[in-house]
PDB file of N, CA and C in Angstrom:
ATOM      1  N   MET A   1       0.830  -1.177   0.000  1.00  0.00           N
ATOM      2  CA  MET A   1       0.000   0.000   0.000  1.00  0.00           C
ATOM      3  C   MET A   1       0.880   1.248   0.000  1.00  0.00           C
ATOM      4  N   LYS A   2       0.422   2.224  -0.725  1.00  0.00           N
ATOM      5  CA  LYS A   2       1.115   3.500  -0.787  1.00  0.00           C
ATOM      6  C   LYS A   2       0.183   4.570  -0.243  1.00  0.00           C
ATOM      7  N   THR A   3       0.759   5.665   0.190  1.00  0.00           N
ATOM      8  CA  THR A   3      -0.076   6.714   0.767  1.00  0.00           C
ATOM      9  C   THR A   3       0.288   8.079   0.195  1.00  0.00           C
ATOM     10  N   THR A   4      -0.717   8.924   0.144  1.00  0.00           N
ATOM     11  CA  THR A   4      -0.530  10.341  -0.117  1.00  0.00           C
ATOM     12  C   THR A   4      -1.060  11.059   1.117  1.00  0.00           C
ATOM     13  N   ARG A   5      -1.143  12.357   1.069  1.00  0.00           N
ATOM     14  CA  ARG A   5      -1.654  13.099   2.213  1.00  0.00           C
ATOM     15  C   ARG A   5      -3.100  12.736   2.538  1.00  0.00           C
ATOM     16  N   HIS A   6      -3.881  12.410   1.491  1.00  0.00           N
ATOM     17  CA  HIS A   6      -5.308  12.209   1.679  1.00  0.00           C
ATOM     18  C   HIS A   6      -5.798  10.809   1.335  1.00  0.00           C
ATOM     19  N   ALA A   7      -4.899   9.911   0.950  1.00  0.00           N
ATOM     20  CA  ALA A   7      -5.390   8.600   0.499  1.00  0.00           C
ATOM     21  C   ALA A   7      -4.357   7.509   0.728  1.00  0.00           C
ATOM     22  N   THR A   8      -4.867   6.314   0.909  1.00  0.00           N
ATOM     23  CA  THR A   8      -4.042   5.107   0.888  1.00  0.00           C
ATOM     24  C   THR A   8      -4.511   4.335  -0.329  1.00  0.00           C
ATOM     25  N   TYR A   9      -3.576   3.899  -1.153  1.00  0.00           N
ATOM     26  CA  TYR A   9      -3.987   3.297  -2.416  1.00  0.00           C
ATOM     27  C   TYR A   9      -3.050   2.177  -2.847  1.00  0.00           C
ATOM     28  N   ASN A  10      -3.571   1.360  -3.738  1.00  0.00           N
ATOM     29  CA  ASN A  10      -2.800   0.347  -4.437  1.00  0.00           C
ATOM     30  C   ASN A  10      -3.424   0.217  -5.816  1.00  0.00           C
ATOM     31  N   LEU A  11      -3.119   1.165  -6.692  1.00  0.00           N
ATOM     32  CA  LEU A  11      -3.692   1.200  -8.034  1.00  0.00           C
ATOM     33  C   LEU A  11      -2.660   0.722  -9.042  1.00  0.00           C
ATOM     34  N   ASN A  12      -2.992  -0.361  -9.711  1.00  0.00           N
ATOM     35  CA  ASN A  12      -2.108  -0.921 -10.723  1.00  0.00           C
ATOM     36  C   ASN A  12      -2.862  -0.997 -12.046  1.00  0.00           C
ATOM     37  N   TYR A  13      -2.174  -0.692 -13.116  1.00  0.00           N
ATOM     38  CA  TYR A  13      -2.788  -0.690 -14.440  1.00  0.00           C
ATOM     39  C   TYR A  13      -1.957  -1.540 -15.397  1.00  0.00           C
ATOM     40  N   HIS A  14      -2.644  -2.304 -16.213  1.00  0.00           N
ATOM     41  CA  HIS A  14      -2.003  -3.109 -17.249  1.00  0.00           C
ATOM     42  C   HIS A  14      -2.318  -2.447 -18.583  1.00  0.00           C
ATOM     43  N   ILE A  15      -1.305  -1.896 -19.218  1.00  0.00           N
ATOM     44  CA  ILE A  15      -1.470  -1.178 -20.483  1.00  0.00           C
ATOM     45  C   ILE A  15      -0.786  -2.001 -21.569  1.00  0.00           C
ATOM     46  N   VAL A  16      -1.525  -2.286 -22.623  1.00  0.00           N
ATOM     47  CA  VAL A  16      -0.986  -3.060 -23.751  1.00  0.00           C
ATOM     48  C   VAL A  16      -1.230  -2.261 -25.019  1.00  0.00           C
ATOM     49  N   TRP A  17      -0.217  -2.157 -25.880  1.00  0.00           N
ATOM     50  CA  TRP A  17      -0.447  -1.514 -27.161  1.00  0.00           C
ATOM     51  C   TRP A  17       0.414  -2.137 -28.247  1.00  0.00           C
ATOM     52  N   LEU A  18      -0.084  -1.967 -29.472  1.00  0.00           N
ATOM     53  CA  LEU A  18       0.582  -2.453 -30.671  1.00  0.00           C
ATOM     54  C   LEU A  18       1.052  -1.247 -31.461  1.00  0.00           C
ATOM     55  N   PRO A  19       2.331  -1.151 -31.735  1.00  0.00           N
ATOM     56  CA  PRO A  19       2.795   0.001 -32.516  1.00  0.00           C
ATOM     57  C   PRO A  19       2.426  -0.157 -33.984  1.00  0.00           C
ATOM     58  N   LYS A  20       2.117   0.954 -34.619  1.00  0.00           N
ATOM     59  CA  LYS A  20       1.908   0.929 -36.064  1.00  0.00           C
ATOM     60  C   LYS A  20       3.269   0.878 -36.722  1.00  0.00           C
ATOM     61  N   SER A  21       3.324   0.242 -37.865  1.00  0.00           N
ATOM     62  CA  SER A  21       4.572   0.248 -38.622  1.00  0.00           C
ATOM     63  C   SER A  21       4.290   0.804 -40.004  1.00  0.00           C
ATOM     64  N   ARG A  22       5.297   1.355 -40.594  1.00  0.00           N
ATOM     65  CA  ARG A  22       5.131   1.940 -41.926  1.00  0.00           C
ATOM     66  C   ARG A  22       5.115   0.848 -42.981  1.00  0.00           C
ATOM     67  N   ARG A  23       4.320   1.068 -44.013  1.00  0.00           N
ATOM     68  CA  ARG A  23       4.277   0.129 -45.135  1.00  0.00           C
ATOM     69  C   ARG A  23       5.545   0.303 -45.959  1.00  0.00           C
ATOM     70  N   THR A  24       6.135  -0.786 -46.364  1.00  0.00           N
ATOM     71  CA  THR A  24       7.345  -0.696 -47.168  1.00  0.00           C
ATOM     72  C   THR A  24       7.062  -0.891 -48.651  1.00  0.00           C
ATOM     73  N   ASP A  25       5.833  -1.329 -49.001  1.00  0.00           N
ATOM     74  CA  ASP A  25       5.530  -1.561 -50.408  1.00  0.00           C
ATOM     75  C   ASP A  25       4.986  -0.320 -51.109  1.00  0.00           C
ATOM     76  N   GLY A  26       4.861   0.804 -50.386  1.00  0.00           N
ATOM     77  CA  GLY A  26       4.409   2.047 -50.980  1.00  0.00           C
ATOM     78  C   GLY A  26       2.912   2.134 -51.179  1.00  0.00           C
ATOM     79  N   SER A  27       2.163   1.186 -50.675  1.00  0.00           N
ATOM     80  CA  SER A  27       0.717   1.174 -50.852  1.00  0.00           C
ATOM     81  C   SER A  27       0.086   2.310 -50.056  1.00  0.00           C
ATOM     82  N   ALA A  28      -0.737   3.098 -50.735  1.00  0.00           N
ATOM     83  CA  ALA A  28      -1.413   4.210 -50.068  1.00  0.00           C
ATOM     84  C   ALA A  28      -2.879   3.902 -49.815  1.00  0.00           C
ATOM     85  N   ASN A  29      -3.382   2.827 -50.359  1.00  0.00           N
ATOM     86  CA  ASN A  29      -4.781   2.463 -50.220  1.00  0.00           C
ATOM     87  C   ASN A  29      -5.031   1.883 -48.837  1.00  0.00           C
ATOM     88  N   ILE A  30      -5.864   2.571 -48.033  1.00  0.00           N
ATOM     89  CA  ILE A  30      -6.102   2.144 -46.654  1.00  0.00           C
ATOM     90  C   ILE A  30      -6.807   0.799 -46.612  1.00  0.00           C
ATOM     91  N   ALA A  31      -7.782   0.584 -47.501  1.00  0.00           N
ATOM     92  CA  ALA A  31      -8.484  -0.700 -47.528  1.00  0.00           C
ATOM     93  C   ALA A  31      -7.526  -1.829 -47.872  1.00  0.00           C
ATOM     94  N   GLU A  32      -6.581  -1.536 -48.735  1.00  0.00           N
ATOM     95  CA  GLU A  32      -5.596  -2.536 -49.133  1.00  0.00           C
ATOM     96  C   GLU A  32      -4.654  -2.862 -47.974  1.00  0.00           C
ATOM     97  N   GLN A  33      -4.326  -1.837 -47.173  1.00  0.00           N
ATOM     98  CA  GLN A  33      -3.433  -2.038 -46.041  1.00  0.00           C
ATOM     99  C   GLN A  33      -4.110  -2.851 -44.945  1.00  0.00           C
ATOM    100  N   GLY A  34      -5.388  -2.545 -44.680  1.00  0.00           N
ATOM    101  CA  GLY A  34      -6.122  -3.265 -43.646  1.00  0.00           C
ATOM    102  C   GLY A  34      -5.379  -3.263 -42.336  1.00  0.00           C
ATOM    103  N   SER A  35      -5.289  -4.421 -41.720  1.00  0.00           N
ATOM    104  CA  SER A  35      -4.604  -4.530 -40.437  1.00  0.00           C
ATOM    105  C   SER A  35      -3.123  -4.817 -40.605  1.00  0.00           C
ATOM    106  N   ALA A  36      -2.626  -4.707 -41.824  1.00  0.00           N
ATOM    107  CA  ALA A  36      -1.216  -4.993 -42.074  1.00  0.00           C
ATOM    108  C   ALA A  36      -0.292  -4.000 -41.385  1.00  0.00           C
ATOM    109  N   GLN A  37      -0.829  -2.824 -41.014  1.00  0.00           N
ATOM    110  CA  GLN A  37       0.013  -1.848 -40.347  1.00  0.00           C
ATOM    111  C   GLN A  37       0.256  -2.216 -38.885  1.00  0.00           C
ATOM    112  N   TYR A  38      -0.460  -3.212 -38.396  1.00  0.00           N
ATOM    113  CA  TYR A  38      -0.286  -3.697 -37.035  1.00  0.00           C
ATOM    114  C   TYR A  38       0.306  -5.102 -37.068  1.00  0.00           C
ATOM    115  N   ARG A  39       0.785  -5.550 -35.928  1.00  0.00           N
ATOM    116  CA  ARG A  39       1.270  -6.913 -35.719  1.00  0.00           C
ATOM    117  C   ARG A  39       2.500  -7.261 -36.557  1.00  0.00           C
ATOM    118  N   ASN A  40       3.321  -6.270 -36.836  1.00  0.00           N
ATOM    119  CA  ASN A  40       4.596  -6.530 -37.478  1.00  0.00           C
ATOM    120  C   ASN A  40       5.678  -6.522 -36.410  1.00  0.00           C
ATOM    121  N   SER A  41       6.695  -7.306 -36.604  1.00  0.00           N
ATOM    122  CA  SER A  41       7.782  -7.420 -35.627  1.00  0.00           C
ATOM    123  C   SER A  41       8.737  -6.236 -35.767  1.00  0.00           C
ATOM    124  N   VAL A  42       8.366  -5.129 -35.163  1.00  0.00           N
ATOM    125  CA  VAL A  42       9.192  -3.928 -35.249  1.00  0.00           C
ATOM    126  C   VAL A  42       9.961  -3.653 -33.960  1.00  0.00           C
ATOM    127  N   LEU A  43       9.559  -4.270 -32.856  1.00  0.00           N
ATOM    128  CA  LEU A  43      10.185  -4.011 -31.554  1.00  0.00           C
ATOM    129  C   LEU A  43      11.235  -5.077 -31.247  1.00  0.00           C
ATOM    130  N   VAL A  44      12.310  -5.047 -32.001  1.00  0.00           N
ATOM    131  CA  VAL A  44      13.373  -6.031 -31.821  1.00  0.00           C
ATOM    132  C   VAL A  44      14.723  -5.321 -31.687  1.00  0.00           C
ATOM    133  N   ASN A  45      15.669  -6.019 -31.091  1.00  0.00           N
ATOM    134  CA  ASN A  45      17.052  -5.558 -30.952  1.00  0.00           C
ATOM    135  C   ASN A  45      17.160  -4.171 -30.324  1.00  0.00           C
ATOM    136  N   GLU A  46      17.800  -3.225 -31.041  1.00  0.00           N
ATOM    137  CA  GLU A  46      18.047  -1.901 -30.484  1.00  0.00           C
ATOM    138  C   GLU A  46      16.751  -1.131 -30.243  1.00  0.00           C
ATOM    139  N   VAL A  47      15.757  -1.357 -31.092  1.00  0.00           N
ATOM    140  CA  VAL A  47      14.486  -0.654 -30.935  1.00  0.00           C
ATOM    141  C   VAL A  47      13.826  -1.058 -29.615  1.00  0.00           C
ATOM    142  N   ALA A  48      13.823  -2.347 -29.312  1.00  0.00           N
ATOM    143  CA  ALA A  48      13.234  -2.832 -28.062  1.00  0.00           C
ATOM    144  C   ALA A  48      13.978  -2.254 -26.855  1.00  0.00           C
ATOM    145  N   SER A  49      15.286  -2.211 -26.921  1.00  0.00           N
ATOM    146  CA  SER A  49      16.074  -1.635 -25.824  1.00  0.00           C
ATOM    147  C   SER A  49      15.771  -0.156 -25.647  1.00  0.00           C
ATOM    148  N   ARG A  50      15.653   0.544 -26.759  1.00  0.00           N
ATOM    149  CA  ARG A  50      15.355   1.979 -26.708  1.00  0.00           C
ATOM    150  C   ARG A  50      13.964   2.210 -26.119  1.00  0.00           C
ATOM    151  N   VAL A  51      12.985   1.398 -26.505  1.00  0.00           N
ATOM    152  CA  VAL A  51      11.624   1.538 -25.974  1.00  0.00           C
ATOM    153  C   VAL A  51      11.626   1.320 -24.464  1.00  0.00           C
ATOM    154  N   ARG A  52      12.341   0.296 -23.999  1.00  0.00           N
ATOM    155  CA  ARG A  52      12.431   0.038 -22.550  1.00  0.00           C
ATOM    156  C   ARG A  52      12.996   1.245 -21.814  1.00  0.00           C
ATOM    157  N   SER A  53      14.089   1.789 -22.331  1.00  0.00           N
ATOM    158  CA  SER A  53      14.713   2.932 -21.641  1.00  0.00           C
ATOM    159  C   SER A  53      13.807   4.153 -21.670  1.00  0.00           C
ATOM    160  N   ILE A  54      13.106   4.390 -22.771  1.00  0.00           N
ATOM    161  CA  ILE A  54      12.185   5.531 -22.860  1.00  0.00           C
ATOM    162  C   ILE A  54      11.062   5.371 -21.838  1.00  0.00           C
ATOM    163  N   LEU A  55      10.503   4.164 -21.737  1.00  0.00           N
ATOM    164  CA  LEU A  55       9.401   3.932 -20.801  1.00  0.00           C
ATOM    165  C   LEU A  55       9.847   4.133 -19.353  1.00  0.00           C
ATOM    166  N   HIS A  56      11.056   3.710 -19.025  1.00  0.00           N
ATOM    167  CA  HIS A  56      11.573   3.921 -17.673  1.00  0.00           C
ATOM    168  C   HIS A  56      11.814   5.412 -17.407  1.00  0.00           C
ATOM    169  N   GLU A  57      12.289   6.154 -18.415  1.00  0.00           N
ATOM    170  CA  GLU A  57      12.479   7.594 -18.262  1.00  0.00           C
ATOM    171  C   GLU A  57      11.150   8.295 -17.996  1.00  0.00           C
ATOM    172  N   ILE A  58      10.110   7.903 -18.750  1.00  0.00           N
ATOM    173  CA  ILE A  58       8.792   8.503 -18.572  1.00  0.00           C
ATOM    174  C   ILE A  58       8.272   8.218 -17.165  1.00  0.00           C
ATOM    175  N   ALA A  59       8.404   6.961 -16.731  1.00  0.00           N
ATOM    176  CA  ALA A  59       7.925   6.583 -15.397  1.00  0.00           C
ATOM    177  C   ALA A  59       8.638   7.387 -14.311  1.00  0.00           C
ATOM    178  N   ASP A  60       9.942   7.528 -14.427  1.00  0.00           N
ATOM    179  CA  ASP A  60      10.693   8.310 -13.445  1.00  0.00           C
ATOM    180  C   ASP A  60      10.253   9.770 -13.453  1.00  0.00           C
ATOM    181  N   ASP A  61      10.060  10.323 -14.632  1.00  0.00           N
ATOM    182  CA  ASP A  61       9.663  11.720 -14.774  1.00  0.00           C
ATOM    183  C   ASP A  61       8.273  11.980 -14.200  1.00  0.00           C
ATOM    184  N   LYS A  62       7.357  11.044 -14.360  1.00  0.00           N
ATOM    185  CA  LYS A  62       5.964  11.230 -13.945  1.00  0.00           C
ATOM    186  C   LYS A  62       5.665  10.684 -12.550  1.00  0.00           C
ATOM    187  N   GLY A  63       6.633  10.053 -11.903  1.00  0.00           N
ATOM    188  CA  GLY A  63       6.406   9.522 -10.564  1.00  0.00           C
ATOM    189  C   GLY A  63       5.558   8.266 -10.552  1.00  0.00           C
ATOM    190  N   VAL A  64       5.706   7.447 -11.569  1.00  0.00           N
ATOM    191  CA  VAL A  64       4.962   6.204 -11.714  1.00  0.00           C
ATOM    192  C   VAL A  64       5.949   5.055 -11.586  1.00  0.00           C
ATOM    193  N   GLU A  65       5.528   3.979 -10.944  1.00  0.00           N
ATOM    194  CA  GLU A  65       6.407   2.826 -10.756  1.00  0.00           C
ATOM    195  C   GLU A  65       6.070   1.727 -11.763  1.00  0.00           C
ATOM    196  N   ILE A  66       7.071   1.295 -12.521  1.00  0.00           N
ATOM    197  CA  ILE A  66       6.871   0.180 -13.443  1.00  0.00           C
ATOM    198  C   ILE A  66       7.058  -1.108 -12.655  1.00  0.00           C
ATOM    199  N   LEU A  67       5.997  -1.896 -12.574  1.00  0.00           N
ATOM    200  CA  LEU A  67       6.044  -3.173 -11.859  1.00  0.00           C
ATOM    201  C   LEU A  67       6.514  -4.295 -12.771  1.00  0.00           C
ATOM    202  N   ASP A  68       6.119  -4.232 -14.041  1.00  0.00           N
ATOM    203  CA  ASP A  68       6.541  -5.230 -15.019  1.00  0.00           C
ATOM    204  C   ASP A  68       6.494  -4.601 -16.395  1.00  0.00           C
ATOM    205  N   LEU A  69       7.469  -4.926 -17.225  1.00  0.00           N
ATOM    206  CA  LEU A  69       7.538  -4.405 -18.582  1.00  0.00           C
ATOM    207  C   LEU A  69       8.017  -5.516 -19.493  1.00  0.00           C
ATOM    208  N   THR A  70       7.218  -5.825 -20.506  1.00  0.00           N
ATOM    209  CA  THR A  70       7.602  -6.834 -21.487  1.00  0.00           C
ATOM    210  C   THR A  70       7.441  -6.229 -22.869  1.00  0.00           C
ATOM    211  N   VAL A  71       8.537  -6.146 -23.600  1.00  0.00           N
ATOM    212  CA  VAL A  71       8.491  -5.651 -24.972  1.00  0.00           C
ATOM    213  C   VAL A  71       8.597  -6.861 -25.888  1.00  0.00           C
ATOM    214  N   GLN A  72       7.476  -7.200 -26.520  1.00  0.00           N
ATOM    215  CA  GLN A  72       7.424  -8.298 -27.482  1.00  0.00           C
ATOM    216  C   GLN A  72       7.716  -7.728 -28.870  1.00  0.00           C
ATOM    217  N   PRO A  73       8.042  -8.565 -29.850  1.00  0.00           N
ATOM    218  CA  PRO A  73       8.334  -8.033 -31.188  1.00  0.00           C
ATOM    219  C   PRO A  73       7.196  -7.225 -31.809  1.00  0.00           C
ATOM    220  N   ASP A  74       5.939  -7.531 -31.418  1.00  0.00           N
ATOM    221  CA  ASP A  74       4.815  -6.834 -32.050  1.00  0.00           C
ATOM    222  C   ASP A  74       3.917  -6.066 -31.082  1.00  0.00           C
ATOM    223  N   HIS A  75       4.212  -6.082 -29.792  1.00  0.00           N
ATOM    224  CA  HIS A  75       3.408  -5.325 -28.828  1.00  0.00           C
ATOM    225  C   HIS A  75       4.164  -5.126 -27.520  1.00  0.00           C
ATOM    226  N   VAL A  76       3.617  -4.239 -26.681  1.00  0.00           N
ATOM    227  CA  VAL A  76       4.237  -3.910 -25.395  1.00  0.00           C
ATOM    228  C   VAL A  76       3.219  -4.153 -24.283  1.00  0.00           C
ATOM    229  N   HIS A  77       3.655  -4.838 -23.215  1.00  0.00           N
ATOM    230  CA  HIS A  77       2.867  -5.010 -21.993  1.00  0.00           C
ATOM    231  C   HIS A  77       3.542  -4.176 -20.914  1.00  0.00           C
ATOM    232  N   LEU A  78       2.778  -3.289 -20.306  1.00  0.00           N
ATOM    233  CA  LEU A  78       3.305  -2.423 -19.263  1.00  0.00           C
ATOM    234  C   LEU A  78       2.377  -2.509 -18.062  1.00  0.00           C
ATOM    235  N   PHE A  79       2.919  -2.897 -16.916  1.00  0.00           N
ATOM    236  CA  PHE A  79       2.146  -2.999 -15.687  1.00  0.00           C
ATOM    237  C   PHE A  79       2.710  -1.963 -14.732  1.00  0.00           C
ATOM    238  N   VAL A  80       1.900  -0.940 -14.404  1.00  0.00           N
ATOM    239  CA  VAL A  80       2.385   0.181 -13.605  1.00  0.00           C
ATOM    240  C   VAL A  80       1.523   0.427 -12.378  1.00  0.00           C
ATOM    241  N   SER A  81       2.141   1.038 -11.373  1.00  0.00           N
ATOM    242  CA  SER A  81       1.447   1.496 -10.180  1.00  0.00           C
ATOM    243  C   SER A  81       1.501   3.018 -10.196  1.00  0.00           C
ATOM    244  N   SER A  82       0.334   3.626  -9.968  1.00  0.00           N
ATOM    245  CA  SER A  82       0.251   5.076 -10.085  1.00  0.00           C
ATOM    246  C   SER A  82      -0.623   5.658  -8.981  1.00  0.00           C
ATOM    247  N   PRO A  83      -0.353   6.896  -8.568  1.00  0.00           N
ATOM    248  CA  PRO A  83      -1.216   7.561  -7.595  1.00  0.00           C
ATOM    249  C   PRO A  83      -2.615   7.794  -8.185  1.00  0.00           C
ATOM    250  N   PRO A  84      -3.616   7.983  -7.334  1.00  0.00           N
ATOM    251  CA  PRO A  84      -4.986   8.167  -7.801  1.00  0.00           C
ATOM    252  C   PRO A  84      -5.195   9.411  -8.679  1.00  0.00           C
ATOM    253  N   LYS A  85      -4.299  10.375  -8.600  1.00  0.00           N
ATOM    254  CA  LYS A  85      -4.479  11.602  -9.398  1.00  0.00           C
ATOM    255  C   LYS A  85      -4.304  11.351 -10.899  1.00  0.00           C
ATOM    256  N   ASN A  86      -3.655  10.244 -11.273  1.00  0.00           N
ATOM    257  CA  ASN A  86      -3.423   9.946 -12.687  1.00  0.00           C
ATOM    258  C   ASN A  86      -4.504   9.022 -13.237  1.00  0.00           C
ATOM    259  N   GLU A  87      -5.241   9.499 -14.207  1.00  0.00           N
ATOM    260  CA  GLU A  87      -6.267   8.682 -14.837  1.00  0.00           C
ATOM    261  C   GLU A  87      -5.611   7.614 -15.709  1.00  0.00           C
ATOM    262  N   PRO A  88      -6.238   6.442 -15.838  1.00  0.00           N
ATOM    263  CA  PRO A  88      -5.675   5.390 -16.690  1.00  0.00           C
ATOM    264  C   PRO A  88      -5.432   5.851 -18.133  1.00  0.00           C
ATOM    265  N   ALA A  89      -6.353   6.623 -18.692  1.00  0.00           N
ATOM    266  CA  ALA A  89      -6.175   7.105 -20.061  1.00  0.00           C
ATOM    267  C   ALA A  89      -4.972   8.041 -20.162  1.00  0.00           C
ATOM    268  N   LEU A  90      -4.752   8.837 -19.123  1.00  0.00           N
ATOM    269  CA  LEU A  90      -3.609   9.743 -19.100  1.00  0.00           C
ATOM    270  C   LEU A  90      -2.304   8.944 -19.080  1.00  0.00           C
ATOM    271  N   LEU A  91      -2.269   7.888 -18.280  1.00  0.00           N
ATOM    272  CA  LEU A  91      -1.081   7.032 -18.240  1.00  0.00           C
ATOM    273  C   LEU A  91      -0.788   6.445 -19.617  1.00  0.00           C
ATOM    274  N   ALA A  92      -1.824   5.916 -20.267  1.00  0.00           N
ATOM    275  CA  ALA A  92      -1.643   5.332 -21.596  1.00  0.00           C
ATOM    276  C   ALA A  92      -1.129   6.385 -22.578  1.00  0.00           C
ATOM    277  N   ASN A  93      -1.684   7.588 -22.515  1.00  0.00           N
ATOM    278  CA  ASN A  93      -1.232   8.658 -23.403  1.00  0.00           C
ATOM    279  C   ASN A  93       0.219   9.026 -23.148  1.00  0.00           C
ATOM    280  N   TRP A  94       0.613   9.118 -21.879  1.00  0.00           N
ATOM    281  CA  TRP A  94       2.005   9.431 -21.567  1.00  0.00           C
ATOM    282  C   TRP A  94       2.949   8.406 -22.183  1.00  0.00           C
ATOM    283  N   PHE A  95       2.686   7.155 -21.896  1.00  0.00           N
ATOM    284  CA  PHE A  95       3.612   6.111 -22.343  1.00  0.00           C
ATOM    285  C   PHE A  95       3.582   5.916 -23.855  1.00  0.00           C
ATOM    286  N   LYS A  96       2.417   5.834 -24.439  1.00  0.00           N
ATOM    287  CA  LYS A  96       2.327   5.614 -25.883  1.00  0.00           C
ATOM    288  C   LYS A  96       2.793   6.839 -26.658  1.00  0.00           C
ATOM    289  N   GLY A  97       2.350   8.010 -26.238  1.00  0.00           N
ATOM    290  CA  GLY A  97       2.687   9.231 -26.962  1.00  0.00           C
ATOM    291  C   GLY A  97       4.153   9.577 -26.902  1.00  0.00           C
ATOM    292  N   LYS A  98       4.715   9.558 -25.712  1.00  0.00           N
ATOM    293  CA  LYS A  98       6.124   9.925 -25.559  1.00  0.00           C
ATOM    294  C   LYS A  98       7.042   8.911 -26.227  1.00  0.00           C
ATOM    295  N   THR A  99       6.661   7.631 -26.200  1.00  0.00           N
ATOM    296  CA  THR A  99       7.468   6.607 -26.861  1.00  0.00           C
ATOM    297  C   THR A  99       7.479   6.867 -28.359  1.00  0.00           C
ATOM    298  N   LYS A 100       6.336   7.187 -28.925  1.00  0.00           N
ATOM    299  CA  LYS A 100       6.242   7.465 -30.360  1.00  0.00           C
ATOM    300  C   LYS A 100       7.044   8.702 -30.720  1.00  0.00           C
ATOM    301  N   GLU A 101       6.915   9.773 -29.917  1.00  0.00           N
ATOM    302  CA  GLU A 101       7.671  11.000 -30.177  1.00  0.00           C
ATOM    303  C   GLU A 101       9.171  10.734 -30.169  1.00  0.00           C
ATOM    304  N   SER A 102       9.638   9.984 -29.193  1.00  0.00           N
ATOM    305  CA  SER A 102      11.066   9.703 -29.077  1.00  0.00           C
ATOM    306  C   SER A 102      11.561   8.854 -30.239  1.00  0.00           C
ATOM    307  N   GLU A 103      10.770   7.884 -30.651  1.00  0.00           N
ATOM    308  CA  GLU A 103      11.161   7.038 -31.781  1.00  0.00           C
ATOM    309  C   GLU A 103      11.179   7.837 -33.080  1.00  0.00           C
ATOM    310  N   THR A 104      10.229   8.752 -33.250  1.00  0.00           N
ATOM    311  CA  THR A 104      10.187   9.585 -34.450  1.00  0.00           C
ATOM    312  C   THR A 104      11.399  10.507 -34.492  1.00  0.00           C
ATOM    313  N   GLU A 105      11.756  11.084 -33.346  1.00  0.00           N
ATOM    314  CA  GLU A 105      12.941  11.938 -33.273  1.00  0.00           C
ATOM    315  C   GLU A 105      14.190  11.141 -33.609  1.00  0.00           C
ATOM    316  N   GLN A 106      14.286   9.923 -33.094  1.00  0.00           N
ATOM    317  CA  GLN A 106      15.448   9.074 -33.340  1.00  0.00           C
ATOM    318  C   GLN A 106      15.553   8.731 -34.818  1.00  0.00           C
ATOM    319  N   GLU A 107      14.421   8.424 -35.462  1.00  0.00           N
ATOM    320  CA  GLU A 107      14.438   8.106 -36.886  1.00  0.00           C
ATOM    321  C   GLU A 107      14.886   9.287 -37.712  1.00  0.00           C
ATOM    322  N   SER A 108      14.458  10.505 -37.361  1.00  0.00           N
ATOM    323  CA  SER A 108      14.831  11.678 -38.132  1.00  0.00           C
ATOM    324  C   SER A 108      16.324  11.975 -37.985  1.00  0.00           C
ATOM    325  N   VAL A 109      16.905  11.643 -36.838  1.00  0.00           N
ATOM    326  CA  VAL A 109      18.332  11.828 -36.640  1.00  0.00           C
ATOM    327  C   VAL A 109      19.130  10.814 -37.456  1.00  0.00           C
ATOM    328  N   GLU A 110      18.654   9.560 -37.468  1.00  0.00           N
ATOM    329  CA  GLU A 110      19.364   8.498 -38.161  1.00  0.00           C
ATOM    330  C   GLU A 110      19.228   8.588 -39.675  1.00  0.00           C
ATOM    331  N   ARG A 111      18.093   9.094 -40.156  1.00  0.00           N
ATOM    332  CA  ARG A 111      17.829   9.145 -41.593  1.00  0.00           C
ATOM    333  C   ARG A 111      18.271  10.489 -42.139  1.00  0.00           C
ATOM    334  N   PRO A 112      19.218  10.499 -43.070  1.00  0.00           N
ATOM    335  CA  PRO A 112      19.659  11.777 -43.644  1.00  0.00           C
ATOM    336  C   PRO A 112      18.557  12.392 -44.509  1.00  0.00           C
ATOM    337  N   ALA A 113      18.513  13.712 -44.532  1.00  0.00           N
ATOM    338  CA  ALA A 113      17.475  14.425 -45.289  1.00  0.00           C
ATOM    339  C   ALA A 113      17.805  14.481 -46.762  1.00  0.00           C
TER     340      ALA A 113
END
C-alpha cells in the first residue's frame, strides 16, 4: 500500500499496445493495407532496448512505478502502479505518446534528409 496526504492506495494498471509500422511496399490504399500496419515485428534488438529505456524515463519523470515491462516483437505489456491523481487514459497517453515522439525523433536523426 502507498499513501498520499489524503489517500491510501494500491492502483495498478495493465497497459498493452501495438505500434503501427510503416508500409514498405508504398501502398497508399487504406483498404488494401487493412490490419497490415499492425502486428509486425518492429520491436526487436536496439528498438526494443530503446523503448524500454524511454518507458523507464517517462515513469521516473511522472512519478509512476513500473512493476513489469515486457516488450514483445509486435506489442508492449506495461504494468504500472500510479497515484490516484493519474487517470488510466492519461497514463496510456504518456507512455504511448512519448514513446512514439522519441522514436520519431530518433528516426529523423538516423535518416539523412
